[in-house]
Amino acid sequence: MDMHWTIYLQRDGADENVPLARFQRPLEGATPADSGLSMSEARSLLSSLQQVVAQGQIRAYDCLRRPKIQPHVGIAPTEN
Protein backbone atom coordinates (compact mmCIF):
# COMPACT_ATOMS: atom_id res chain seq x y z
CA MET A 1 0.00 0.00 0.00
CA ASP A 2 1.24 3.48 -0.87
CA MET A 3 0.39 7.01 0.20
CA HIS A 4 -0.41 9.37 -2.67
CA TRP A 5 -0.25 13.17 -2.83
CA THR A 6 -1.28 15.52 -5.60
CA ILE A 7 -0.19 19.12 -5.25
CA TYR A 8 -2.37 21.81 -6.85
CA LEU A 9 -1.89 25.54 -7.24
CA GLN A 10 -4.82 27.95 -7.13
CA ARG A 11 -4.40 31.67 -7.71
CA ASP A 12 -6.41 33.87 -5.34
CA GLY A 13 -9.71 34.77 -6.96
CA ALA A 14 -9.51 31.98 -9.56
CA ASP A 15 -11.69 28.89 -9.69
CA GLU A 16 -9.16 26.73 -11.52
CA ASN A 17 -6.81 24.36 -9.67
CA VAL A 18 -3.64 23.62 -11.62
CA PRO A 19 -2.02 20.26 -10.81
CA LEU A 20 1.71 20.74 -10.20
CA ALA A 21 2.96 17.34 -9.10
CA ARG A 22 1.98 13.90 -7.91
CA PHE A 23 4.02 11.85 -5.44
CA GLN A 24 3.65 8.47 -3.83
CA ARG A 25 5.47 6.76 -1.00
CA PRO A 26 5.37 3.16 0.21
CA LEU A 27 3.97 2.45 3.66
CA GLU A 28 5.18 -1.10 4.05
CA GLY A 29 8.93 -1.51 4.03
CA ALA A 30 9.49 2.25 4.00
CA THR A 31 12.93 3.51 4.94
CA PRO A 32 14.02 6.97 6.15
CA ALA A 33 14.98 7.72 2.54
CA ASP A 34 11.29 7.37 1.59
CA SER A 35 10.35 10.33 3.82
CA GLY A 36 9.82 13.76 2.33
CA LEU A 37 10.74 14.68 -1.23
CA SER A 38 13.85 13.68 -3.10
CA MET A 39 15.97 16.45 -4.58
CA SER A 40 14.80 15.58 -8.09
CA GLU A 41 11.14 15.67 -6.98
CA ALA A 42 11.69 19.02 -5.26
CA ARG A 43 13.36 20.45 -8.37
CA SER A 44 10.53 19.19 -10.56
CA LEU A 45 7.91 20.71 -8.22
CA LEU A 46 9.73 24.05 -8.12
CA SER A 47 10.09 24.05 -11.91
CA SER A 48 6.35 23.39 -12.36
CA LEU A 49 5.50 26.11 -9.85
CA GLN A 50 7.80 28.61 -11.58
CA GLN A 51 6.28 27.83 -14.98
CA VAL A 52 2.67 28.29 -13.83
CA VAL A 53 3.39 31.49 -11.86
CA ALA A 54 5.44 33.04 -14.68
CA GLN A 55 2.77 32.21 -17.28
CA GLY A 56 0.09 33.80 -15.10
CA GLN A 57 2.18 36.94 -14.62
CA ILE A 58 2.92 37.20 -18.34
CA ARG A 59 -0.77 36.79 -19.24
CA ALA A 60 -1.80 39.44 -16.70
CA TYR A 61 0.89 41.85 -17.91
CA ASP A 62 -0.11 41.24 -21.53
CA CYS A 63 -3.78 41.99 -20.76
CA LEU A 64 -2.82 45.29 -19.14
CA ARG A 65 -0.53 46.37 -21.96
CA ARG A 66 -2.55 45.20 -24.95
CA PRO A 67 -4.49 48.09 -26.50
CA LYS A 68 -8.23 47.80 -26.14
CA ILE A 69 -10.06 47.76 -29.47
CA GLN A 70 -13.07 50.03 -29.27
CA PRO A 71 -16.01 49.40 -31.58
CA HIS A 72 -16.97 52.27 -33.86
CA VAL A 73 -20.24 53.33 -32.29
CA GLY A 74 -22.38 55.93 -34.02
CA ILE A 75 -20.12 56.34 -37.05
CA ALA A 76 -21.75 55.59 -40.36
CA PRO A 77 -19.56 53.91 -42.98
CA THR A 78 -18.47 56.20 -45.78
CA GLU A 79 -18.81 55.38 -49.44
CA ASN A 80 -15.98 56.15 -51.84
C-alpha atoms as a PDB file:
ATOM      1  CA  MET A   1       0.000   0.000   0.000  1.00  0.00           C
ATOM      2  CA  ASP A   2       1.240   3.480  -0.875  1.00  0.00           C
ATOM      3  CA  MET A   3       0.388   7.007   0.203  1.00  0.00           C
ATOM      4  CA  HIS A   4      -0.414   9.369  -2.672  1.00  0.00           C
ATOM      5  CA  TRP A   5      -0.249  13.172  -2.829  1.00  0.00           C
ATOM      6  CA  THR A   6      -1.284  15.516  -5.601  1.00  0.00           C
ATOM      7  CA  ILE A   7      -0.190  19.124  -5.251  1.00  0.00           C
ATOM      8  CA  TYR A   8      -2.369  21.808  -6.850  1.00  0.00           C
ATOM      9  CA  LEU A   9      -1.894  25.542  -7.238  1.00  0.00           C
ATOM     10  CA  GLN A  10      -4.823  27.950  -7.129  1.00  0.00           C
ATOM     11  CA  ARG A  11      -4.402  31.671  -7.710  1.00  0.00           C
ATOM     12  CA  ASP A  12      -6.413  33.873  -5.343  1.00  0.00           C
ATOM     13  CA  GLY A  13      -9.715  34.771  -6.956  1.00  0.00           C
ATOM     14  CA  ALA A  14      -9.511  31.983  -9.556  1.00  0.00           C
ATOM     15  CA  ASP A  15     -11.689  28.887  -9.692  1.00  0.00           C
ATOM     16  CA  GLU A  16      -9.163  26.734 -11.517  1.00  0.00           C
ATOM     17  CA  ASN A  17      -6.809  24.362  -9.674  1.00  0.00           C
ATOM     18  CA  VAL A  18      -3.635  23.617 -11.620  1.00  0.00           C
ATOM     19  CA  PRO A  19      -2.021  20.255 -10.814  1.00  0.00           C
ATOM     20  CA  LEU A  20       1.708  20.736 -10.202  1.00  0.00           C
ATOM     21  CA  ALA A  21       2.965  17.342  -9.095  1.00  0.00           C
ATOM     22  CA  ARG A  22       1.984  13.896  -7.907  1.00  0.00           C
ATOM     23  CA  PHE A  23       4.015  11.851  -5.442  1.00  0.00           C
ATOM     24  CA  GLN A  24       3.653   8.473  -3.826  1.00  0.00           C
ATOM     25  CA  ARG A  25       5.473   6.757  -1.004  1.00  0.00           C
ATOM     26  CA  PRO A  26       5.374   3.163   0.208  1.00  0.00           C
ATOM     27  CA  LEU A  27       3.971   2.451   3.657  1.00  0.00           C
ATOM     28  CA  GLU A  28       5.182  -1.101   4.045  1.00  0.00           C
ATOM     29  CA  GLY A  29       8.925  -1.514   4.033  1.00  0.00           C
ATOM     30  CA  ALA A  30       9.490   2.249   3.999  1.00  0.00           C
ATOM     31  CA  THR A  31      12.933   3.514   4.944  1.00  0.00           C
ATOM     32  CA  PRO A  32      14.020   6.967   6.149  1.00  0.00           C
ATOM     33  CA  ALA A  33      14.980   7.718   2.540  1.00  0.00           C
ATOM     34  CA  ASP A  34      11.290   7.365   1.595  1.00  0.00           C
ATOM     35  CA  SER A  35      10.354  10.327   3.821  1.00  0.00           C
ATOM     36  CA  GLY A  36       9.821  13.759   2.327  1.00  0.00           C
ATOM     37  CA  LEU A  37      10.741  14.685  -1.233  1.00  0.00           C
ATOM     38  CA  SER A  38      13.847  13.678  -3.102  1.00  0.00           C
ATOM     39  CA  MET A  39      15.972  16.455  -4.578  1.00  0.00           C
ATOM     40  CA  SER A  40      14.799  15.576  -8.091  1.00  0.00           C
ATOM     41  CA  GLU A  41      11.137  15.674  -6.978  1.00  0.00           C
ATOM     42  CA  ALA A  42      11.686  19.024  -5.260  1.00  0.00           C
ATOM     43  CA  ARG A  43      13.361  20.447  -8.374  1.00  0.00           C
ATOM     44  CA  SER A  44      10.526  19.194 -10.558  1.00  0.00           C
ATOM     45  CA  LEU A  45       7.913  20.708  -8.223  1.00  0.00           C
ATOM     46  CA  LEU A  46       9.725  24.049  -8.125  1.00  0.00           C
ATOM     47  CA  SER A  47      10.086  24.047 -11.911  1.00  0.00           C
ATOM     48  CA  SER A  48       6.355  23.389 -12.365  1.00  0.00           C
ATOM     49  CA  LEU A  49       5.501  26.115  -9.855  1.00  0.00           C
ATOM     50  CA  GLN A  50       7.796  28.610 -11.583  1.00  0.00           C
ATOM     51  CA  GLN A  51       6.279  27.831 -14.983  1.00  0.00           C
ATOM     52  CA  VAL A  52       2.669  28.287 -13.825  1.00  0.00           C
ATOM     53  CA  VAL A  53       3.394  31.485 -11.857  1.00  0.00           C
ATOM     54  CA  ALA A  54       5.441  33.039 -14.677  1.00  0.00           C
ATOM     55  CA  GLN A  55       2.773  32.206 -17.280  1.00  0.00           C
ATOM     56  CA  GLY A  56       0.094  33.799 -15.102  1.00  0.00           C
ATOM     57  CA  GLN A  57       2.177  36.937 -14.617  1.00  0.00           C
ATOM     58  CA  ILE A  58       2.919  37.202 -18.340  1.00  0.00           C
ATOM     59  CA  ARG A  59      -0.775  36.790 -19.243  1.00  0.00           C
ATOM     60  CA  ALA A  60      -1.801  39.441 -16.696  1.00  0.00           C
ATOM     61  CA  TYR A  61       0.890  41.849 -17.908  1.00  0.00           C
ATOM     62  CA  ASP A  62      -0.113  41.239 -21.528  1.00  0.00           C
ATOM     63  CA  CYS A  63      -3.780  41.985 -20.758  1.00  0.00           C
ATOM     64  CA  LEU A  64      -2.824  45.286 -19.135  1.00  0.00           C
ATOM     65  CA  ARG A  65      -0.529  46.368 -21.958  1.00  0.00           C
ATOM     66  CA  ARG A  66      -2.555  45.200 -24.953  1.00  0.00           C
ATOM     67  CA  PRO A  67      -4.495  48.088 -26.502  1.00  0.00           C
ATOM     68  CA  LYS A  68      -8.225  47.803 -26.137  1.00  0.00           C
ATOM     69  CA  ILE A  69     -10.058  47.759 -29.469  1.00  0.00           C
ATOM     70  CA  GLN A  70     -13.067  50.031 -29.265  1.00  0.00           C
ATOM     71  CA  PRO A  71     -16.015  49.399 -31.579  1.00  0.00           C
ATOM     72  CA  HIS A  72     -16.969  52.271 -33.859  1.00  0.00           C
ATOM     73  CA  VAL A  73     -20.236  53.333 -32.285  1.00  0.00           C
ATOM     74  CA  GLY A  74     -22.376  55.931 -34.022  1.00  0.00           C
ATOM     75  CA  ILE A  75     -20.118  56.337 -37.048  1.00  0.00           C
ATOM     76  CA  ALA A  76     -21.748  55.587 -40.362  1.00  0.00           C
ATOM     77  CA  PRO A  77     -19.557  53.910 -42.982  1.00  0.00           C
ATOM     78  CA  THR A  78     -18.468  56.205 -45.778  1.00  0.00           C
ATOM     79  CA  GLU A  79     -18.807  55.381 -49.441  1.00  0.00           C
ATOM     80  CA  ASN A  80     -15.982  56.154 -51.841  1.00  0.00           C
END
